């Protein structure tokens, strides 16, 4: 796999999320269109949830996701805000530690970005941090 190609990185994240969700007892369903606002649908105990997956590498010990979609065409690169009502759960797949982290999109909808801290900060600060280890289970 070409490490730099963003499509391959995203495909890996979706596959890793599928495996992790299956191991947690979810039935994993795939939408038929690449243009849906979510990557997966999961089902458990009579409930469906729409899951958006993002694959990320650690940046200074954290994983960050912006609530935006970007695409390019002949007129340039375009960015649009995510419709939070079209996604129930975000999954961040960490390429560096091979773990998936889950959160309710609406929990962070006031922000344009969410960051989950994987490594302890160099200054050992512990307050007001979203620790990634607290987001291993699907909400």
N, C-alpha and C. Protein backbone atom coordinates (compact mmCIF):
# COMPACT_ATOMS: atom_id res chain seq x y z
N UNK A 1 0.85 -1.18 0.00
CA UNK A 1 0.00 0.00 0.00
C UNK A 1 0.89 1.24 0.00
N UNK A 2 0.53 2.20 -0.81
CA UNK A 2 1.25 3.46 -0.81
C UNK A 2 0.87 4.22 0.45
N UNK A 3 1.83 4.50 1.30
CA UNK A 3 1.54 5.14 2.58
C UNK A 3 1.02 6.56 2.43
N UNK A 4 1.38 7.23 1.36
CA UNK A 4 1.00 8.63 1.23
C UNK A 4 -0.37 8.82 0.58
N UNK A 5 -0.93 7.81 -0.02
CA UNK A 5 -2.18 8.00 -0.74
C UNK A 5 -3.36 8.03 0.22
N UNK A 6 -4.07 9.16 0.25
CA UNK A 6 -5.14 9.39 1.23
C UNK A 6 -6.29 8.39 1.09
N UNK A 7 -6.59 7.96 -0.12
CA UNK A 7 -7.68 7.00 -0.33
C UNK A 7 -7.34 5.65 0.30
N UNK A 8 -6.10 5.21 0.14
CA UNK A 8 -5.67 3.95 0.76
C UNK A 8 -5.73 4.03 2.28
N UNK A 9 -5.33 5.17 2.81
CA UNK A 9 -5.36 5.39 4.27
C UNK A 9 -6.80 5.30 4.77
N UNK A 10 -7.73 5.93 4.06
CA UNK A 10 -9.14 5.87 4.44
C UNK A 10 -9.71 4.47 4.34
N UNK A 11 -9.35 3.75 3.28
CA UNK A 11 -9.82 2.37 3.12
C UNK A 11 -9.32 1.49 4.26
N UNK A 12 -8.07 1.67 4.65
CA UNK A 12 -7.52 0.91 5.77
C UNK A 12 -8.29 1.21 7.05
N UNK A 13 -8.59 2.48 7.29
CA UNK A 13 -9.35 2.86 8.48
C UNK A 13 -10.72 2.21 8.52
N UNK A 14 -11.41 2.19 7.39
CA UNK A 14 -12.75 1.57 7.33
C UNK A 14 -12.65 0.07 7.58
N UNK A 15 -11.66 -0.58 7.01
CA UNK A 15 -11.49 -2.03 7.23
C UNK A 15 -11.16 -2.34 8.69
N UNK A 16 -10.28 -1.56 9.29
CA UNK A 16 -9.93 -1.77 10.70
C UNK A 16 -11.14 -1.52 11.60
N UNK A 17 -11.94 -0.50 11.28
CA UNK A 17 -13.15 -0.22 12.05
C UNK A 17 -14.13 -1.38 11.94
N UNK A 18 -14.28 -1.93 10.73
CA UNK A 18 -15.18 -3.07 10.55
C UNK A 18 -14.77 -4.24 11.43
N UNK A 19 -13.49 -4.55 11.43
CA UNK A 19 -13.00 -5.66 12.24
C UNK A 19 -13.21 -5.40 13.73
N UNK A 20 -12.90 -4.18 14.17
CA UNK A 20 -13.05 -3.84 15.59
C UNK A 20 -14.52 -3.88 16.00
N UNK A 21 -15.39 -3.32 15.18
CA UNK A 21 -16.83 -3.32 15.50
C UNK A 21 -17.40 -4.73 15.50
N UNK A 22 -16.96 -5.56 14.57
CA UNK A 22 -17.40 -6.96 14.54
C UNK A 22 -16.96 -7.68 15.82
N UNK A 23 -15.74 -7.41 16.27
CA UNK A 23 -15.25 -8.06 17.51
C UNK A 23 -16.02 -7.58 18.74
N UNK A 24 -16.67 -6.42 18.64
CA UNK A 24 -17.49 -5.90 19.74
C UNK A 24 -18.94 -6.38 19.64
N UNK A 25 -19.24 -7.24 18.67
CA UNK A 25 -20.57 -7.83 18.57
C UNK A 25 -21.55 -7.11 17.67
N UNK A 26 -21.08 -6.15 16.89
CA UNK A 26 -21.96 -5.43 15.97
C UNK A 26 -22.04 -6.15 14.63
N UNK A 27 -23.20 -6.09 14.01
CA UNK A 27 -23.36 -6.46 12.61
C UNK A 27 -22.97 -5.20 11.83
N UNK A 28 -22.05 -5.34 10.89
CA UNK A 28 -21.54 -4.19 10.14
C UNK A 28 -22.11 -4.23 8.73
N UNK A 29 -22.73 -3.13 8.32
CA UNK A 29 -23.33 -3.01 6.99
C UNK A 29 -22.64 -1.88 6.23
N UNK A 30 -22.50 -2.07 4.92
CA UNK A 30 -21.85 -1.06 4.09
C UNK A 30 -22.87 -0.38 3.18
N UNK A 31 -22.81 0.94 3.08
CA UNK A 31 -23.70 1.64 2.14
C UNK A 31 -23.26 1.32 0.70
N UNK A 32 -24.19 1.39 -0.23
CA UNK A 32 -23.87 1.08 -1.63
C UNK A 32 -23.22 2.25 -2.36
N UNK A 33 -23.26 3.43 -1.79
CA UNK A 33 -22.72 4.62 -2.45
C UNK A 33 -21.54 5.17 -1.67
N UNK A 34 -20.54 5.64 -2.40
CA UNK A 34 -19.42 6.33 -1.76
C UNK A 34 -19.79 7.75 -1.35
N UNK A 35 -20.96 8.20 -1.76
CA UNK A 35 -21.36 9.58 -1.52
C UNK A 35 -22.27 9.73 -0.30
N UNK A 36 -22.42 8.68 0.47
CA UNK A 36 -23.23 8.79 1.68
C UNK A 36 -22.44 9.55 2.74
N UNK A 37 -23.12 10.19 3.69
CA UNK A 37 -22.42 10.97 4.72
C UNK A 37 -21.77 10.11 5.80
N UNK A 38 -21.87 8.79 5.67
CA UNK A 38 -21.28 7.88 6.64
C UNK A 38 -20.61 6.74 5.89
N UNK A 39 -19.69 6.05 6.56
CA UNK A 39 -18.94 4.96 5.94
C UNK A 39 -19.53 3.59 6.23
N UNK A 40 -20.15 3.43 7.40
CA UNK A 40 -20.68 2.14 7.85
C UNK A 40 -22.01 2.35 8.55
N UNK A 41 -22.78 1.30 8.61
CA UNK A 41 -23.95 1.25 9.48
C UNK A 41 -23.74 0.03 10.37
N UNK A 42 -23.95 0.22 11.66
CA UNK A 42 -23.81 -0.91 12.58
C UNK A 42 -25.16 -1.21 13.22
N UNK A 43 -25.32 -2.47 13.60
CA UNK A 43 -26.60 -2.90 14.16
C UNK A 43 -26.31 -3.81 15.37
N UNK A 44 -27.01 -3.52 16.46
CA UNK A 44 -26.89 -4.36 17.66
C UNK A 44 -28.10 -4.07 18.54
N UNK A 45 -28.67 -5.12 19.10
CA UNK A 45 -29.81 -5.01 20.03
C UNK A 45 -30.96 -4.19 19.47
N UNK A 46 -31.28 -4.40 18.19
CA UNK A 46 -32.41 -3.74 17.57
C UNK A 46 -32.19 -2.28 17.19
N UNK A 47 -30.94 -1.80 17.27
CA UNK A 47 -30.66 -0.39 16.95
C UNK A 47 -29.57 -0.27 15.87
N UNK A 48 -29.82 0.65 14.94
CA UNK A 48 -28.86 0.98 13.90
C UNK A 48 -28.15 2.28 14.26
N UNK A 49 -26.87 2.38 13.88
CA UNK A 49 -26.11 3.62 14.05
C UNK A 49 -25.27 3.84 12.80
N UNK A 50 -25.19 5.10 12.37
CA UNK A 50 -24.38 5.48 11.22
C UNK A 50 -22.99 5.91 11.71
N UNK A 51 -21.96 5.34 11.10
CA UNK A 51 -20.59 5.55 11.56
C UNK A 51 -19.75 6.21 10.47
N UNK A 52 -19.09 7.30 10.83
CA UNK A 52 -18.12 7.96 9.95
C UNK A 52 -16.73 7.59 10.46
N UNK A 53 -15.87 7.09 9.59
CA UNK A 53 -14.53 6.64 9.98
C UNK A 53 -13.48 7.59 9.44
N UNK A 54 -12.53 7.94 10.29
CA UNK A 54 -11.38 8.75 9.89
C UNK A 54 -10.12 8.03 10.34
N UNK A 55 -9.17 7.87 9.44
CA UNK A 55 -7.87 7.29 9.78
C UNK A 55 -6.89 8.44 10.02
N UNK A 56 -6.19 8.38 11.11
CA UNK A 56 -5.27 9.45 11.46
C UNK A 56 -3.97 8.89 12.04
N UNK A 57 -2.90 9.64 11.83
CA UNK A 57 -1.62 9.37 12.48
C UNK A 57 -1.51 10.30 13.67
N UNK A 58 -0.73 9.89 14.65
CA UNK A 58 -0.51 10.74 15.81
C UNK A 58 0.23 12.01 15.42
N UNK A 59 -0.20 13.11 16.00
CA UNK A 59 0.48 14.39 15.84
C UNK A 59 0.72 14.93 17.24
N UNK A 60 1.96 14.87 17.67
CA UNK A 60 2.33 15.29 19.03
C UNK A 60 1.52 14.57 20.09
N UNK A 61 1.27 13.28 19.86
CA UNK A 61 0.59 12.45 20.85
C UNK A 61 -0.92 12.49 20.82
N UNK A 62 -1.50 13.22 19.83
CA UNK A 62 -2.95 13.34 19.74
C UNK A 62 -3.46 12.97 18.35
N UNK A 63 -4.75 12.65 18.31
CA UNK A 63 -5.46 12.42 17.06
C UNK A 63 -6.49 13.53 16.92
N UNK A 64 -6.54 14.18 15.78
CA UNK A 64 -7.49 15.27 15.58
C UNK A 64 -8.35 15.01 14.35
N UNK A 65 -9.61 15.40 14.46
CA UNK A 65 -10.55 15.29 13.36
C UNK A 65 -11.33 16.59 13.27
N UNK A 66 -11.38 17.14 12.07
CA UNK A 66 -12.22 18.31 11.82
C UNK A 66 -13.57 17.82 11.31
N UNK A 67 -14.63 18.51 11.65
CA UNK A 67 -15.96 18.15 11.18
C UNK A 67 -16.20 18.79 9.83
N UNK A 68 -15.41 18.34 8.84
CA UNK A 68 -15.49 18.86 7.48
C UNK A 68 -15.26 17.72 6.49
N UNK A 69 -15.80 17.91 5.29
CA UNK A 69 -15.52 17.03 4.16
C UNK A 69 -14.81 17.87 3.12
N UNK A 70 -13.79 17.31 2.51
CA UNK A 70 -13.09 18.01 1.43
C UNK A 70 -13.12 17.15 0.18
N UNK A 71 -13.23 17.82 -0.94
CA UNK A 71 -13.16 17.14 -2.23
C UNK A 71 -12.59 18.12 -3.24
N UNK A 72 -12.09 17.58 -4.34
CA UNK A 72 -11.55 18.45 -5.36
C UNK A 72 -12.17 18.12 -6.71
N UNK A 73 -12.24 19.14 -7.55
CA UNK A 73 -12.70 18.97 -8.92
C UNK A 73 -11.91 19.95 -9.79
N UNK A 74 -12.36 20.15 -11.00
CA UNK A 74 -11.62 21.02 -11.93
C UNK A 74 -11.58 22.48 -11.47
N UNK A 75 -12.45 22.83 -10.53
CA UNK A 75 -12.50 24.21 -10.02
C UNK A 75 -11.72 24.39 -8.73
N UNK A 76 -11.06 23.33 -8.26
CA UNK A 76 -10.25 23.44 -7.06
C UNK A 76 -10.71 22.53 -5.92
N UNK A 77 -10.23 22.83 -4.73
CA UNK A 77 -10.56 22.05 -3.53
C UNK A 77 -11.72 22.74 -2.82
N UNK A 78 -12.70 21.95 -2.41
CA UNK A 78 -13.88 22.48 -1.75
C UNK A 78 -14.01 21.81 -0.38
N UNK A 79 -14.43 22.58 0.60
CA UNK A 79 -14.63 22.07 1.95
C UNK A 79 -16.03 22.44 2.41
N UNK A 80 -16.73 21.46 2.98
CA UNK A 80 -18.06 21.71 3.52
C UNK A 80 -18.13 21.16 4.93
N UNK A 81 -18.94 21.77 5.75
CA UNK A 81 -19.13 21.29 7.12
C UNK A 81 -19.91 19.99 7.11
N UNK A 82 -19.62 19.13 8.07
CA UNK A 82 -20.34 17.87 8.23
C UNK A 82 -21.71 18.16 8.81
N UNK A 83 -22.72 17.51 8.26
CA UNK A 83 -24.07 17.57 8.84
C UNK A 83 -24.09 16.59 10.01
N UNK A 84 -23.95 17.09 11.21
CA UNK A 84 -23.86 16.26 12.41
C UNK A 84 -25.07 15.34 12.56
N UNK A 85 -26.23 15.76 12.06
CA UNK A 85 -27.43 14.94 12.17
C UNK A 85 -27.40 13.72 11.25
N UNK A 86 -26.44 13.66 10.33
CA UNK A 86 -26.37 12.52 9.42
C UNK A 86 -25.39 11.44 9.89
N UNK A 87 -24.75 11.67 11.05
CA UNK A 87 -23.77 10.72 11.61
C UNK A 87 -24.08 10.54 13.09
N UNK A 88 -24.10 9.29 13.52
CA UNK A 88 -24.35 9.00 14.94
C UNK A 88 -23.05 8.82 15.73
N UNK A 89 -22.08 8.18 15.10
CA UNK A 89 -20.83 7.84 15.77
C UNK A 89 -19.66 8.15 14.84
N UNK A 90 -18.63 8.76 15.39
CA UNK A 90 -17.37 8.91 14.68
C UNK A 90 -16.42 7.84 15.21
N UNK A 91 -15.65 7.28 14.30
CA UNK A 91 -14.58 6.34 14.66
C UNK A 91 -13.28 6.93 14.14
N UNK A 92 -12.32 7.07 15.03
CA UNK A 92 -10.98 7.47 14.60
C UNK A 92 -10.09 6.23 14.71
N UNK A 93 -9.56 5.80 13.57
CA UNK A 93 -8.60 4.71 13.56
C UNK A 93 -7.21 5.31 13.62
N UNK A 94 -6.45 4.94 14.64
CA UNK A 94 -5.08 5.43 14.81
C UNK A 94 -4.12 4.48 14.09
N UNK A 95 -3.48 4.98 13.06
CA UNK A 95 -2.55 4.18 12.28
C UNK A 95 -1.35 3.76 13.11
N UNK A 96 -0.93 4.60 14.04
CA UNK A 96 0.30 4.35 14.79
C UNK A 96 0.16 3.27 15.86
N UNK A 97 -1.02 3.14 16.46
CA UNK A 97 -1.18 2.10 17.50
C UNK A 97 -2.23 1.05 17.14
N UNK A 98 -2.80 1.14 15.94
CA UNK A 98 -3.74 0.15 15.43
C UNK A 98 -4.97 0.00 16.32
N UNK A 99 -5.48 1.14 16.84
CA UNK A 99 -6.66 1.14 17.71
C UNK A 99 -7.75 2.01 17.10
N UNK A 100 -9.00 1.68 17.44
CA UNK A 100 -10.14 2.48 17.03
C UNK A 100 -10.74 3.16 18.26
N UNK A 101 -11.13 4.41 18.08
CA UNK A 101 -11.74 5.20 19.15
C UNK A 101 -13.07 5.75 18.64
N UNK A 102 -14.10 5.76 19.51
CA UNK A 102 -15.45 6.11 19.09
C UNK A 102 -16.02 7.23 19.96
N UNK A 103 -16.77 8.12 19.33
CA UNK A 103 -17.46 9.15 20.10
C UNK A 103 -18.73 9.55 19.37
N UNK A 104 -19.67 10.06 20.15
CA UNK A 104 -20.91 10.59 19.62
C UNK A 104 -20.59 11.94 18.98
N UNK A 105 -20.92 12.07 17.72
CA UNK A 105 -20.60 13.29 16.99
C UNK A 105 -21.22 14.52 17.64
N UNK A 106 -22.40 14.39 18.19
CA UNK A 106 -23.09 15.53 18.77
C UNK A 106 -22.44 15.99 20.08
N UNK A 107 -21.67 15.11 20.71
CA UNK A 107 -20.97 15.48 21.94
C UNK A 107 -19.98 16.62 21.70
N UNK A 108 -19.44 16.68 20.49
CA UNK A 108 -18.44 17.69 20.16
C UNK A 108 -18.92 18.64 19.07
N UNK A 109 -20.22 18.68 18.81
CA UNK A 109 -20.74 19.44 17.67
C UNK A 109 -20.54 20.95 17.80
N UNK A 110 -20.30 21.46 18.99
CA UNK A 110 -20.04 22.89 19.16
C UNK A 110 -18.65 23.26 18.66
N UNK A 111 -17.79 22.27 18.53
CA UNK A 111 -16.42 22.50 18.09
C UNK A 111 -16.28 22.19 16.61
N UNK A 112 -15.30 22.76 15.97
CA UNK A 112 -15.02 22.40 14.58
C UNK A 112 -14.02 21.26 14.50
N UNK A 113 -13.35 20.98 15.63
CA UNK A 113 -12.33 19.93 15.69
C UNK A 113 -12.43 19.19 17.02
N UNK A 114 -12.15 17.90 16.99
CA UNK A 114 -12.03 17.15 18.23
C UNK A 114 -10.63 16.53 18.27
N UNK A 115 -10.01 16.54 19.43
CA UNK A 115 -8.70 15.92 19.63
C UNK A 115 -8.78 14.91 20.74
N UNK A 116 -8.24 13.74 20.48
CA UNK A 116 -8.14 12.69 21.50
C UNK A 116 -6.66 12.48 21.79
N UNK A 117 -6.31 12.54 23.04
CA UNK A 117 -4.91 12.43 23.48
C UNK A 117 -4.58 10.96 23.72
N UNK A 118 -3.59 10.46 23.00
CA UNK A 118 -3.14 9.08 23.15
C UNK A 118 -1.97 9.01 24.14
N UNK A 119 -1.00 9.90 23.95
CA UNK A 119 0.20 9.91 24.80
C UNK A 119 0.10 11.01 25.85
N UNK A 120 0.77 10.80 26.98
CA UNK A 120 0.81 11.81 28.02
C UNK A 120 1.59 13.02 27.53
N UNK A 121 1.06 14.22 27.75
CA UNK A 121 1.79 15.43 27.33
C UNK A 121 3.14 15.54 28.04
N UNK A 122 4.07 16.19 27.40
CA UNK A 122 5.40 16.35 27.99
C UNK A 122 5.35 17.13 29.30
N UNK A 123 4.37 18.03 29.44
CA UNK A 123 4.26 18.80 30.68
C UNK A 123 3.41 18.07 31.72
N UNK A 124 2.99 16.84 31.41
CA UNK A 124 2.20 15.98 32.31
C UNK A 124 0.85 16.56 32.68
N UNK A 125 0.37 17.55 31.93
CA UNK A 125 -0.96 18.11 32.18
C UNK A 125 -2.00 17.02 31.99
N UNK A 126 -3.00 17.00 32.86
CA UNK A 126 -4.04 15.98 32.77
C UNK A 126 -5.45 16.52 32.76
N UNK A 127 -5.60 17.82 32.98
CA UNK A 127 -6.94 18.41 33.03
C UNK A 127 -7.41 18.83 31.65
N UNK A 128 -8.73 18.77 31.45
CA UNK A 128 -9.36 19.20 30.21
C UNK A 128 -8.81 18.48 28.98
N UNK A 129 -8.54 17.20 29.13
CA UNK A 129 -8.03 16.39 28.03
C UNK A 129 -9.03 15.27 27.74
N UNK A 130 -9.29 15.06 26.47
CA UNK A 130 -10.10 13.91 26.03
C UNK A 130 -9.13 12.75 25.79
N UNK A 131 -9.00 11.88 26.80
CA UNK A 131 -8.08 10.76 26.68
C UNK A 131 -8.66 9.72 25.73
N UNK A 132 -7.89 9.32 24.73
CA UNK A 132 -8.34 8.36 23.72
C UNK A 132 -8.78 7.05 24.37
N UNK A 133 -8.09 6.61 25.41
CA UNK A 133 -8.43 5.33 26.05
C UNK A 133 -9.86 5.32 26.59
N UNK A 134 -10.44 6.50 26.84
CA UNK A 134 -11.82 6.59 27.33
C UNK A 134 -12.84 6.48 26.22
N UNK A 135 -12.37 6.35 24.98
CA UNK A 135 -13.27 6.31 23.82
C UNK A 135 -13.14 5.01 23.04
N UNK A 136 -12.85 3.92 23.72
CA UNK A 136 -12.70 2.62 23.06
C UNK A 136 -14.04 1.93 22.79
N UNK A 137 -15.07 2.29 23.52
CA UNK A 137 -16.38 1.64 23.35
C UNK A 137 -17.32 2.54 22.52
N UNK A 138 -18.21 1.91 21.78
CA UNK A 138 -19.16 2.63 20.94
C UNK A 138 -20.25 3.22 21.82
N UNK A 139 -20.50 4.54 21.70
CA UNK A 139 -21.55 5.15 22.53
C UNK A 139 -22.96 4.75 22.07
